Every structure is written in C-alpha cells, then in structure tokens.
Amino acid sequence: MDSRILLGKILQRLKDNGKAQVEGYNSFGYIRETENAVWVTRETGDNTPVPFDKILKGISAYQSNSILYNQGPTALREFGITHVTSPIFALLHLLEKEDYSKF
C-alpha cells in the first residue's frame, strides 16, 4: 500500500484514539497537525513535533523489513530517524504488522 495512504491511516487512528502507545513504552497524546508534522505530547508534558517525512521513513523501513515491527524504537535509528524514535515507533504501531505488507 502507498506510504502516504498509510500515513493518513496512522493520523486518523491517532486522532480517533487520542494517543499512541505500545505496551511497555511511553504514550504520546495527539495535539494537532500542521502542514509538515503532527504534534504530540509526551508523558513528561513536553510537546513534540513529529515530521511527516520521518514517519514516512519509518513506514518505508517497515515495508522493506517486517522484522523491524517487532523490534524497539532504536531499530529506526539506522533509517535516519533520530530524536523522535519513540513517538514514531508508537505511531507506526497504530497499524498492524500486516498493514505494512506491500502485497
């Protein structure tokens, strides 16, 4: 499936749920979207912009290697995703592993 369609599904689920969280990891609450990012609030109370281009990199990584879905947020670093690995990890897990299949 096209990565931009998956991004749209992730954003819709985040809005519907109000937050993204993988069991055993921090949660991230939905604040708002801008033209280039979605803003989330961390459990620490800090607000963080998560750029769409970095979420798209994560989607591409999961599409190219489904094993990454079961690994932690640090696995995303090798794909150029830094500083926002935890929120992106949580956002990507709003979809099921099968959603990232290209077939």
PDB file of N, CA and C in Angstrom:
ATOM      1  N   MET A   1       0.844  -1.174   0.000  1.00  0.00           N
ATOM      2  CA  MET A   1       0.000   0.000   0.000  1.00  0.00           C
ATOM      3  C   MET A   1       0.894   1.244   0.000  1.00  0.00           C
ATOM      4  N   ASP A   2       0.450   2.283  -0.627  1.00  0.00           N
ATOM      5  CA  ASP A   2       1.205   3.526  -0.715  1.00  0.00           C
ATOM      6  C   ASP A   2       1.479   4.082   0.685  1.00  0.00           C
ATOM      7  N   SER A   3       2.703   4.548   0.894  1.00  0.00           N
ATOM      8  CA  SER A   3       3.103   5.031   2.217  1.00  0.00           C
ATOM      9  C   SER A   3       2.297   6.251   2.669  1.00  0.00           C
ATOM     10  N   ARG A   4       1.867   7.084   1.737  1.00  0.00           N
ATOM     11  CA  ARG A   4       1.072   8.264   2.128  1.00  0.00           C
ATOM     12  C   ARG A   4      -0.335   7.860   2.592  1.00  0.00           C
ATOM     13  N   ILE A   5      -0.858   6.796   2.025  1.00  0.00           N
ATOM     14  CA  ILE A   5      -2.150   6.279   2.486  1.00  0.00           C
ATOM     15  C   ILE A   5      -1.998   5.739   3.903  1.00  0.00           C
ATOM     16  N   LEU A   6      -0.899   5.022   4.146  1.00  0.00           N
ATOM     17  CA  LEU A   6      -0.646   4.503   5.489  1.00  0.00           C
ATOM     18  C   LEU A   6      -0.462   5.649   6.487  1.00  0.00           C
ATOM     19  N   LEU A   7       0.228   6.701   6.075  1.00  0.00           N
ATOM     20  CA  LEU A   7       0.387   7.872   6.937  1.00  0.00           C
ATOM     21  C   LEU A   7      -0.984   8.445   7.307  1.00  0.00           C
ATOM     22  N   GLY A   8      -1.862   8.555   6.330  1.00  0.00           N
ATOM     23  CA  GLY A   8      -3.211   9.050   6.593  1.00  0.00           C
ATOM     24  C   GLY A   8      -3.966   8.172   7.579  1.00  0.00           C
ATOM     25  N   LYS A   9      -3.817   6.850   7.452  1.00  0.00           N
ATOM     26  CA  LYS A   9      -4.480   5.923   8.371  1.00  0.00           C
ATOM     27  C   LYS A   9      -3.927   6.082   9.787  1.00  0.00           C
ATOM     28  N   ILE A  10      -2.605   6.235   9.882  1.00  0.00           N
ATOM     29  CA  ILE A  10      -1.977   6.426  11.192  1.00  0.00           C
ATOM     30  C   ILE A  10      -2.510   7.695  11.847  1.00  0.00           C
ATOM     31  N   LEU A  11      -2.537   8.785  11.100  1.00  0.00           N
ATOM     32  CA  LEU A  11      -3.005  10.057  11.650  1.00  0.00           C
ATOM     33  C   LEU A  11      -4.470   9.982  12.065  1.00  0.00           C
ATOM     34  N   GLN A  12      -5.285   9.299  11.274  1.00  0.00           N
ATOM     35  CA  GLN A  12      -6.699   9.160  11.621  1.00  0.00           C
ATOM     36  C   GLN A  12      -6.869   8.348  12.904  1.00  0.00           C
ATOM     37  N   ARG A  13      -6.107   7.268  13.031  1.00  0.00           N
ATOM     38  CA  ARG A  13      -6.203   6.455  14.254  1.00  0.00           C
ATOM     39  C   ARG A  13      -5.712   7.232  15.466  1.00  0.00           C
ATOM     40  N   LEU A  14      -4.660   8.030  15.282  1.00  0.00           N
ATOM     41  CA  LEU A  14      -4.161   8.847  16.383  1.00  0.00           C
ATOM     42  C   LEU A  14      -5.242   9.830  16.835  1.00  0.00           C
ATOM     43  N   LYS A  15      -5.894  10.472  15.881  1.00  0.00           N
ATOM     44  CA  LYS A  15      -6.974  11.414  16.224  1.00  0.00           C
ATOM     45  C   LYS A  15      -8.124  10.687  16.923  1.00  0.00           C
ATOM     46  N   ASP A  16      -8.505   9.532  16.383  1.00  0.00           N
ATOM     47  CA  ASP A  16      -9.621   8.775  16.950  1.00  0.00           C
ATOM     48  C   ASP A  16      -9.319   8.287  18.364  1.00  0.00           C
ATOM     49  N   ASN A  17      -8.089   7.781  18.579  1.00  0.00           N
ATOM     50  CA  ASN A  17      -7.699   7.230  19.880  1.00  0.00           C
ATOM     51  C   ASN A  17      -7.281   8.311  20.871  1.00  0.00           C
ATOM     52  N   GLY A  18      -6.811   9.431  20.354  1.00  0.00           N
ATOM     53  CA  GLY A  18      -6.321  10.492  21.218  1.00  0.00           C
ATOM     54  C   GLY A  18      -4.895  10.298  21.685  1.00  0.00           C
ATOM     55  N   LYS A  19      -4.360   9.097  21.464  1.00  0.00           N
ATOM     56  CA  LYS A  19      -2.978   8.825  21.853  1.00  0.00           C
ATOM     57  C   LYS A  19      -2.454   7.608  21.105  1.00  0.00           C
ATOM     58  N   ALA A  20      -1.133   7.454  21.161  1.00  0.00           N
ATOM     59  CA  ALA A  20      -0.469   6.275  20.603  1.00  0.00           C
ATOM     60  C   ALA A  20       0.423   5.702  21.687  1.00  0.00           C
ATOM     61  N   GLN A  21       0.328   4.393  21.904  1.00  0.00           N
ATOM     62  CA  GLN A  21       1.179   3.751  22.900  1.00  0.00           C
ATOM     63  C   GLN A  21       1.342   2.285  22.571  1.00  0.00           C
ATOM     64  N   VAL A  22       2.584   1.825  22.672  1.00  0.00           N
ATOM     65  CA  VAL A  22       2.899   0.405  22.575  1.00  0.00           C
ATOM     66  C   VAL A  22       3.063  -0.070  24.013  1.00  0.00           C
ATOM     67  N   GLU A  23       2.470  -1.203  24.342  1.00  0.00           N
ATOM     68  CA  GLU A  23       2.546  -1.719  25.703  1.00  0.00           C
ATOM     69  C   GLU A  23       3.999  -1.794  26.172  1.00  0.00           C
ATOM     70  N   GLY A  24       4.243  -1.261  27.351  1.00  0.00           N
ATOM     71  CA  GLY A  24       5.590  -1.258  27.916  1.00  0.00           C
ATOM     72  C   GLY A  24       6.414  -0.032  27.556  1.00  0.00           C
ATOM     73  N   TYR A  25       5.856   0.837  26.726  1.00  0.00           N
ATOM     74  CA  TYR A  25       6.546   2.058  26.293  1.00  0.00           C
ATOM     75  C   TYR A  25       5.689   3.276  26.645  1.00  0.00           C
ATOM     76  N   ASN A  26       6.274   4.446  26.535  1.00  0.00           N
ATOM     77  CA  ASN A  26       5.562   5.694  26.825  1.00  0.00           C
ATOM     78  C   ASN A  26       4.430   5.936  25.833  1.00  0.00           C
ATOM     79  N   SER A  27       3.453   6.711  26.288  1.00  0.00           N
ATOM     80  CA  SER A  27       2.355   7.093  25.396  1.00  0.00           C
ATOM     81  C   SER A  27       2.571   8.521  24.903  1.00  0.00           C
ATOM     82  N   PHE A  28       1.932   8.823  23.789  1.00  0.00           N
ATOM     83  CA  PHE A  28       2.047  10.132  23.154  1.00  0.00           C
ATOM     84  C   PHE A  28       0.649  10.588  22.763  1.00  0.00           C
ATOM     85  N   GLY A  29       0.234  11.718  23.304  1.00  0.00           N
ATOM     86  CA  GLY A  29      -1.106  12.232  23.056  1.00  0.00           C
ATOM     87  C   GLY A  29      -1.157  13.144  21.845  1.00  0.00           C
ATOM     88  N   TYR A  30      -2.274  13.083  21.152  1.00  0.00           N
ATOM     89  CA  TYR A  30      -2.481  13.920  19.965  1.00  0.00           C
ATOM     90  C   TYR A  30      -2.769  15.357  20.382  1.00  0.00           C
ATOM     91  N   ILE A  31      -2.083  16.308  19.733  1.00  0.00           N
ATOM     92  CA  ILE A  31      -2.367  17.728  19.950  1.00  0.00           C
ATOM     93  C   ILE A  31      -2.986  18.321  18.692  1.00  0.00           C
ATOM     94  N   ARG A  32      -2.211  18.297  17.596  1.00  0.00           N
ATOM     95  CA  ARG A  32      -2.703  18.882  16.345  1.00  0.00           C
ATOM     96  C   ARG A  32      -1.781  18.480  15.198  1.00  0.00           C
ATOM     97  N   GLU A  33      -2.257  18.760  13.996  1.00  0.00           N
ATOM     98  CA  GLU A  33      -1.444  18.573  12.795  1.00  0.00           C
ATOM     99  C   GLU A  33      -1.130  19.928  12.198  1.00  0.00           C
ATOM    100  N   THR A  34       0.041  20.013  11.571  1.00  0.00           N
ATOM    101  CA  THR A  34       0.390  21.178  10.774  1.00  0.00           C
ATOM    102  C   THR A  34       0.625  20.675   9.354  1.00  0.00           C
ATOM    103  N   GLU A  35       1.122  21.520   8.505  1.00  0.00           N
ATOM    104  CA  GLU A  35       1.366  21.131   7.119  1.00  0.00           C
ATOM    105  C   GLU A  35       2.423  20.034   7.001  1.00  0.00           C
ATOM    106  N   ASN A  36       3.404  20.034   7.922  1.00  0.00           N
ATOM    107  CA  ASN A  36       4.540  19.120   7.801  1.00  0.00           C
ATOM    108  C   ASN A  36       4.725  18.154   8.957  1.00  0.00           C
ATOM    109  N   ALA A  37       3.888  18.250   9.986  1.00  0.00           N
ATOM    110  CA  ALA A  37       4.124  17.432  11.177  1.00  0.00           C
ATOM    111  C   ALA A  37       2.838  17.227  11.964  1.00  0.00           C
ATOM    112  N   VAL A  38       2.894  16.243  12.845  1.00  0.00           N
ATOM    113  CA  VAL A  38       1.845  16.066  13.842  1.00  0.00           C
ATOM    114  C   VAL A  38       2.502  16.365  15.193  1.00  0.00           C
ATOM    115  N   TRP A  39       1.825  17.134  16.002  1.00  0.00           N
ATOM    116  CA  TRP A  39       2.328  17.475  17.326  1.00  0.00           C
ATOM    117  C   TRP A  39       1.739  16.504  18.334  1.00  0.00           C
ATOM    118  N   VAL A  40       2.624  15.955  19.181  1.00  0.00           N
ATOM    119  CA  VAL A  40       2.194  15.051  20.241  1.00  0.00           C
ATOM    120  C   VAL A  40       2.731  15.568  21.569  1.00  0.00           C
ATOM    121  N   THR A  41       2.073  15.162  22.630  1.00  0.00           N
ATOM    122  CA  THR A  41       2.560  15.483  23.961  1.00  0.00           C
ATOM    123  C   THR A  41       3.156  14.227  24.570  1.00  0.00           C
ATOM    124  N   ARG A  42       4.297  14.398  25.187  1.00  0.00           N
ATOM    125  CA  ARG A  42       4.973  13.279  25.848  1.00  0.00           C
ATOM    126  C   ARG A  42       4.461  13.160  27.280  1.00  0.00           C
ATOM    127  N   GLU A  43       4.715  12.018  27.919  1.00  0.00           N
ATOM    128  CA  GLU A  43       4.304  11.829  29.306  1.00  0.00           C
ATOM    129  C   GLU A  43       4.970  12.835  30.233  1.00  0.00           C
ATOM    130  N   THR A  44       6.101  13.389  29.816  1.00  0.00           N
ATOM    131  CA  THR A  44       6.806  14.405  30.606  1.00  0.00           C
ATOM    132  C   THR A  44       6.112  15.757  30.528  1.00  0.00           C
ATOM    133  N   GLY A  45       5.144  15.887  29.627  1.00  0.00           N
ATOM    134  CA  GLY A  45       4.446  17.147  29.433  1.00  0.00           C
ATOM    135  C   GLY A  45       5.001  17.983  28.297  1.00  0.00           C
ATOM    136  N   ASP A  46       6.122  17.554  27.734  1.00  0.00           N
ATOM    137  CA  ASP A  46       6.714  18.279  26.608  1.00  0.00           C
ATOM    138  C   ASP A  46       5.921  18.008  25.334  1.00  0.00           C
ATOM    139  N   ASN A  47       5.756  19.035  24.532  1.00  0.00           N
ATOM    140  CA  ASN A  47       5.110  18.895  23.227  1.00  0.00           C
ATOM    141  C   ASN A  47       6.183  18.752  22.163  1.00  0.00           C
ATOM    142  N   THR A  48       5.986  17.803  21.261  1.00  0.00           N
ATOM    143  CA  THR A  48       6.998  17.465  20.271  1.00  0.00           C
ATOM    144  C   THR A  48       6.392  17.389  18.881  1.00  0.00           C
ATOM    145  N   PRO A  49       6.994  18.081  17.898  1.00  0.00           N
ATOM    146  CA  PRO A  49       6.546  17.895  16.518  1.00  0.00           C
ATOM    147  C   PRO A  49       7.183  16.628  15.940  1.00  0.00           C
ATOM    148  N   VAL A  50       6.383  15.829  15.270  1.00  0.00           N
ATOM    149  CA  VAL A  50       6.885  14.623  14.613  1.00  0.00           C
ATOM    150  C   VAL A  50       6.697  14.838  13.115  1.00  0.00           C
ATOM    151  N   PRO A  51       7.800  15.111  12.397  1.00  0.00           N
ATOM    152  CA  PRO A  51       7.700  15.420  10.965  1.00  0.00           C
ATOM    153  C   PRO A  51       7.138  14.250  10.151  1.00  0.00           C
ATOM    154  N   PHE A  52       6.252  14.575   9.219  1.00  0.00           N
ATOM    155  CA  PHE A  52       5.677  13.547   8.358  1.00  0.00           C
ATOM    156  C   PHE A  52       6.753  12.805   7.575  1.00  0.00           C
ATOM    157  N   ASP A  53       7.811  13.508   7.147  1.00  0.00           N
ATOM    158  CA  ASP A  53       8.842  12.825   6.364  1.00  0.00           C
ATOM    159  C   ASP A  53       9.540  11.748   7.185  1.00  0.00           C
ATOM    160  N   LYS A  54       9.676  11.944   8.494  1.00  0.00           N
ATOM    161  CA  LYS A  54      10.290  10.907   9.331  1.00  0.00           C
ATOM    162  C   LYS A  54       9.330   9.739   9.552  1.00  0.00           C
ATOM    163  N   ILE A  55       8.040  10.025   9.671  1.00  0.00           N
ATOM    164  CA  ILE A  55       7.061   8.940   9.784  1.00  0.00           C
ATOM    165  C   ILE A  55       7.069   8.125   8.495  1.00  0.00           C
ATOM    166  N   LEU A  56       7.149   8.807   7.353  1.00  0.00           N
ATOM    167  CA  LEU A  56       7.204   8.110   6.059  1.00  0.00           C
ATOM    168  C   LEU A  56       8.456   7.248   5.949  1.00  0.00           C
ATOM    169  N   LYS A  57       9.580   7.700   6.499  1.00  0.00           N
ATOM    170  CA  LYS A  57      10.796   6.873   6.523  1.00  0.00           C
ATOM    171  C   LYS A  57      10.556   5.606   7.335  1.00  0.00           C
ATOM    172  N   GLY A  58       9.866   5.751   8.454  1.00  0.00           N
ATOM    173  CA  GLY A  58       9.543   4.590   9.279  1.00  0.00           C
ATOM    174  C   GLY A  58       8.622   3.623   8.562  1.00  0.00           C
ATOM    175  N   ILE A  59       7.633   4.152   7.858  1.00  0.00           N
ATOM    176  CA  ILE A  59       6.726   3.308   7.075  1.00  0.00           C
ATOM    177  C   ILE A  59       7.519   2.540   6.026  1.00  0.00           C
ATOM    178  N   SER A  60       8.405   3.224   5.320  1.00  0.00           N
ATOM    179  CA  SER A  60       9.229   2.565   4.294  1.00  0.00           C
ATOM    180  C   SER A  60      10.109   1.488   4.908  1.00  0.00           C
ATOM    181  N   ALA A  61      10.657   1.768   6.088  1.00  0.00           N
ATOM    182  CA  ALA A  61      11.501   0.778   6.765  1.00  0.00           C
ATOM    183  C   ALA A  61      10.691  -0.470   7.097  1.00  0.00           C
ATOM    184  N   TYR A  62       9.490  -0.293   7.639  1.00  0.00           N
ATOM    185  CA  TYR A  62       8.640  -1.433   7.979  1.00  0.00           C
ATOM    186  C   TYR A  62       8.194  -2.184   6.728  1.00  0.00           C
ATOM    187  N   GLN A  63       7.973  -1.463   5.632  1.00  0.00           N
ATOM    188  CA  GLN A  63       7.582  -2.123   4.387  1.00  0.00           C
ATOM    189  C   GLN A  63       8.729  -2.952   3.820  1.00  0.00           C
ATOM    190  N   SER A  64       9.951  -2.477   3.998  1.00  0.00           N
ATOM    191  CA  SER A  64      11.096  -3.192   3.428  1.00  0.00           C
ATOM    192  C   SER A  64      11.573  -4.337   4.311  1.00  0.00           C
ATOM    193  N   ASN A  65      11.279  -4.281   5.609  1.00  0.00           N
ATOM    194  CA  ASN A  65      11.743  -5.323   6.520  1.00  0.00           C
ATOM    195  C   ASN A  65      10.735  -5.472   7.658  1.00  0.00           C
ATOM    196  N   SER A  66       9.835  -6.415   7.527  1.00  0.00           N
ATOM    197  CA  SER A  66       8.753  -6.574   8.500  1.00  0.00           C
ATOM    198  C   SER A  66       9.245  -6.975   9.887  1.00  0.00           C
ATOM    199  N   ILE A  67      10.451  -7.499   9.992  1.00  0.00           N
ATOM    200  CA  ILE A  67      11.006  -7.883  11.298  1.00  0.00           C
ATOM    201  C   ILE A  67      11.143  -6.661  12.206  1.00  0.00           C
ATOM    202  N   LEU A  68      11.361  -5.493  11.611  1.00  0.00           N
ATOM    203  CA  LEU A  68      11.530  -4.265  12.390  1.00  0.00           C
ATOM    204  C   LEU A  68      10.311  -3.963  13.257  1.00  0.00           C
ATOM    205  N   TYR A  69       9.143  -4.391  12.834  1.00  0.00           N
ATOM    206  CA  TYR A  69       7.906  -4.111  13.569  1.00  0.00           C
ATOM    207  C   TYR A  69       7.984  -4.647  14.997  1.00  0.00           C
ATOM    208  N   ASN A  70       8.659  -5.778  15.172  1.00  0.00           N
ATOM    209  CA  ASN A  70       8.743  -6.423  16.481  1.00  0.00           C
ATOM    210  C   ASN A  70       9.947  -5.971  17.294  1.00  0.00           C
ATOM    211  N   GLN A  71      10.730  -5.060  16.765  1.00  0.00           N
ATOM    212  CA  GLN A  71      11.885  -4.544  17.485  1.00  0.00           C
ATOM    213  C   GLN A  71      11.519  -3.219  18.142  1.00  0.00           C
ATOM    214  N   GLY A  72      12.361  -2.740  19.002  1.00  0.00           N
ATOM    215  CA  GLY A  72      12.089  -1.493  19.713  1.00  0.00           C
ATOM    216  C   GLY A  72      12.326  -0.265  18.863  1.00  0.00           C
ATOM    217  N   PRO A  73      12.093   0.901  19.454  1.00  0.00           N
ATOM    218  CA  PRO A  73      12.237   2.157  18.720  1.00  0.00           C
ATOM    219  C   PRO A  73      13.654   2.434  18.229  1.00  0.00           C
ATOM    220  N   THR A  74      14.657   1.912  18.899  1.00  0.00           N
ATOM    221  CA  THR A  74      16.037   2.185  18.473  1.00  0.00           C
ATOM    222  C   THR A  74      16.350   1.578  17.114  1.00  0.00           C
ATOM    223  N   ALA A  75      15.586   0.581  16.686  1.00  0.00           N
ATOM    224  CA  ALA A  75      15.811  -0.029  15.368  1.00  0.00           C
ATOM    225  C   ALA A  75      15.585   0.975  14.244  1.00  0.00           C
ATOM    226  N   LEU A  76      14.843   2.038  14.518  1.00  0.00           N
ATOM    227  CA  LEU A  76      14.550   3.045  13.489  1.00  0.00           C
ATOM    228  C   LEU A  76      15.723   3.987  13.239  1.00  0.00           C
ATOM    229  N   ARG A  77      16.684   4.009  14.142  1.00  0.00           N
ATOM    230  CA  ARG A  77      17.811   4.941  14.007  1.00  0.00           C
ATOM    231  C   ARG A  77      18.628   4.697  12.748  1.00  0.00           C
ATOM    232  N   GLU A  78      18.766   3.445  12.363  1.00  0.00           N
ATOM    233  CA  GLU A  78      19.568   3.152  11.171  1.00  0.00           C
ATOM    234  C   GLU A  78      18.918   3.667   9.887  1.00  0.00           C
ATOM    235  N   PHE A  79      17.687   4.146   9.991  1.00  0.00           N
ATOM    236  CA  PHE A  79      16.981   4.699   8.836  1.00  0.00           C
ATOM    237  C   PHE A  79      16.921   6.222   8.886  1.00  0.00           C
ATOM    238  N   GLY A  80      17.772   6.804   9.713  1.00  0.00           N
ATOM    239  CA  GLY A  80      17.853   8.257   9.794  1.00  0.00           C
ATOM    240  C   GLY A  80      16.799   8.893  10.675  1.00  0.00           C
ATOM    241  N   ILE A  81      16.149   8.085  11.496  1.00  0.00           N
ATOM    242  CA  ILE A  81      15.139   8.611  12.409  1.00  0.00           C
ATOM    243  C   ILE A  81      15.786   8.757  13.781  1.00  0.00           C
ATOM    244  N   THR A  82      15.986  10.001  14.193  1.00  0.00           N
ATOM    245  CA  THR A  82      16.590  10.275  15.497  1.00  0.00           C
ATOM    246  C   THR A  82      15.760  11.319  16.228  1.00  0.00           C
ATOM    247  N   HIS A  83      15.918  11.391  17.516  1.00  0.00           N
ATOM    248  CA  HIS A  83      15.262  12.356  18.398  1.00  0.00           C
ATOM    249  C   HIS A  83      13.760  12.115  18.570  1.00  0.00           C
ATOM    250  N   VAL A  84      13.126  11.499  17.612  1.00  0.00           N
ATOM    251  CA  VAL A  84      11.688  11.218  17.731  1.00  0.00           C
ATOM    252  C   VAL A  84      11.400   9.736  17.478  1.00  0.00           C
ATOM    253  N   THR A  85      12.372   8.877  17.807  1.00  0.00           N
ATOM    254  CA  THR A  85      12.175   7.446  17.551  1.00  0.00           C
ATOM    255  C   THR A  85      11.009   6.881  18.355  1.00  0.00           C
ATOM    256  N   SER A  86      10.892   7.264  19.617  1.00  0.00           N
ATOM    257  CA  SER A  86       9.817   6.709  20.448  1.00  0.00           C
ATOM    258  C   SER A  86       8.428   7.105  19.963  1.00  0.00           C
ATOM    259  N   PRO A  87       8.175   8.400  19.673  1.00  0.00           N
ATOM    260  CA  PRO A  87       6.836   8.713  19.167  1.00  0.00           C
ATOM    261  C   PRO A  87       6.549   8.078  17.807  1.00  0.00           C
ATOM    262  N   ILE A  88       7.549   8.000  16.942  1.00  0.00           N
ATOM    263  CA  ILE A  88       7.319   7.374  15.635  1.00  0.00           C
ATOM    264  C   ILE A  88       7.033   5.891  15.805  1.00  0.00           C
ATOM    265  N   PHE A  89       7.767   5.230  16.685  1.00  0.00           N
ATOM    266  CA  PHE A  89       7.524   3.822  16.985  1.00  0.00           C
ATOM    267  C   PHE A  89       6.074   3.626  17.442  1.00  0.00           C
ATOM    268  N   ALA A  90       5.618   4.479  18.346  1.00  0.00           N
ATOM    269  CA  ALA A  90       4.238   4.381  18.836  1.00  0.00           C
ATOM    270  C   ALA A  90       3.234   4.641  17.715  1.00  0.00           C
ATOM    271  N   LEU A  91       3.505   5.649  16.892  1.00  0.00           N
ATOM    272  CA  LEU A  91       2.600   5.964  15.782  1.00  0.00           C
ATOM    273  C   LEU A  91       2.527   4.815  14.783  1.00  0.00           C
ATOM    274  N   LEU A  92       3.677   4.244  14.434  1.00  0.00           N
ATOM    275  CA  LEU A  92       3.699   3.151  13.461  1.00  0.00           C
ATOM    276  C   LEU A  92       2.927   1.934  13.964  1.00  0.00           C
ATOM    277  N   HIS A  93       2.879   1.767  15.283  1.00  0.00           N
ATOM    278  CA  HIS A  93       2.167   0.626  15.844  1.00  0.00           C
ATOM    279  C   HIS A  93       0.662   0.860  16.000  1.00  0.00           C
ATOM    280  N   LEU A  94       0.176   1.991  15.518  1.00  0.00           N
ATOM    281  CA  LEU A  94      -1.273   2.173  15.432  1.00  0.00           C
ATOM    282  C   LEU A  94      -1.850   1.305  14.316  1.00  0.00           C
ATOM    283  N   LEU A  95      -0.979   0.844  13.417  1.00  0.00           N
ATOM    284  CA  LEU A  95      -1.370  -0.100  12.368  1.00  0.00           C
ATOM    285  C   LEU A  95      -0.819  -1.470  12.724  1.00  0.00           C
ATOM    286  N   GLU A  96      -1.386  -2.488  12.135  1.00  0.00           N
ATOM    287  CA  GLU A  96      -0.913  -3.854  12.347  1.00  0.00           C
ATOM    288  C   GLU A  96       0.283  -4.138  11.436  1.00  0.00           C
ATOM    289  N   LYS A  97       1.058  -5.122  11.806  1.00  0.00           N
ATOM    290  CA  LYS A  97       2.230  -5.515  11.019  1.00  0.00           C
ATOM    291  C   LYS A  97       1.841  -5.801   9.569  1.00  0.00           C
ATOM    292  N   GLU A  98       0.704  -6.443   9.375  1.00  0.00           N
ATOM    293  CA  GLU A  98       0.246  -6.816   8.037  1.00  0.00           C
ATOM    294  C   GLU A  98      -0.057  -5.597   7.167  1.00  0.00           C
ATOM    295  N   ASP A  99      -0.380  -4.481   7.786  1.00  0.00           N
ATOM    296  CA  ASP A  99      -0.683  -3.265   7.027  1.00  0.00           C
ATOM    297  C   ASP A  99       0.525  -2.761   6.245  1.00  0.00           C
ATOM    298  N   TYR A 100       1.717  -3.133   6.687  1.00  0.00           N
ATOM    299  CA  TYR A 100       2.934  -2.664   6.027  1.00  0.00           C
ATOM    300  C   TYR A 100       3.369  -3.568   4.880  1.00  0.00           C
ATOM    301  N   SER A 101       2.645  -4.650   4.663  1.00  0.00           N
ATOM    302  CA  SER A 101       2.944  -5.539   3.549  1.00  0.00           C
ATOM    303  C   SER A 101       2.654  -4.813   2.243  1.00  0.00           C
ATOM    304  N   LYS A 102       3.566  -4.898   1.300  1.00  0.00           N
ATOM    305  CA  LYS A 102       3.386  -4.211   0.012  1.00  0.00           C
ATOM    306  C   LYS A 102       2.455  -4.976  -0.917  1.00  0.00           C
ATOM    307  N   PHE A 103       2.104  -6.180  -0.544  1.00  0.00           N
ATOM    308  CA  PHE A 103       1.295  -7.017  -1.430  1.00  0.00           C
ATOM    309  C   PHE A 103      -0.171  -6.880  -1.142  1.00  0.00           C
TER     310      PHE A 103
END
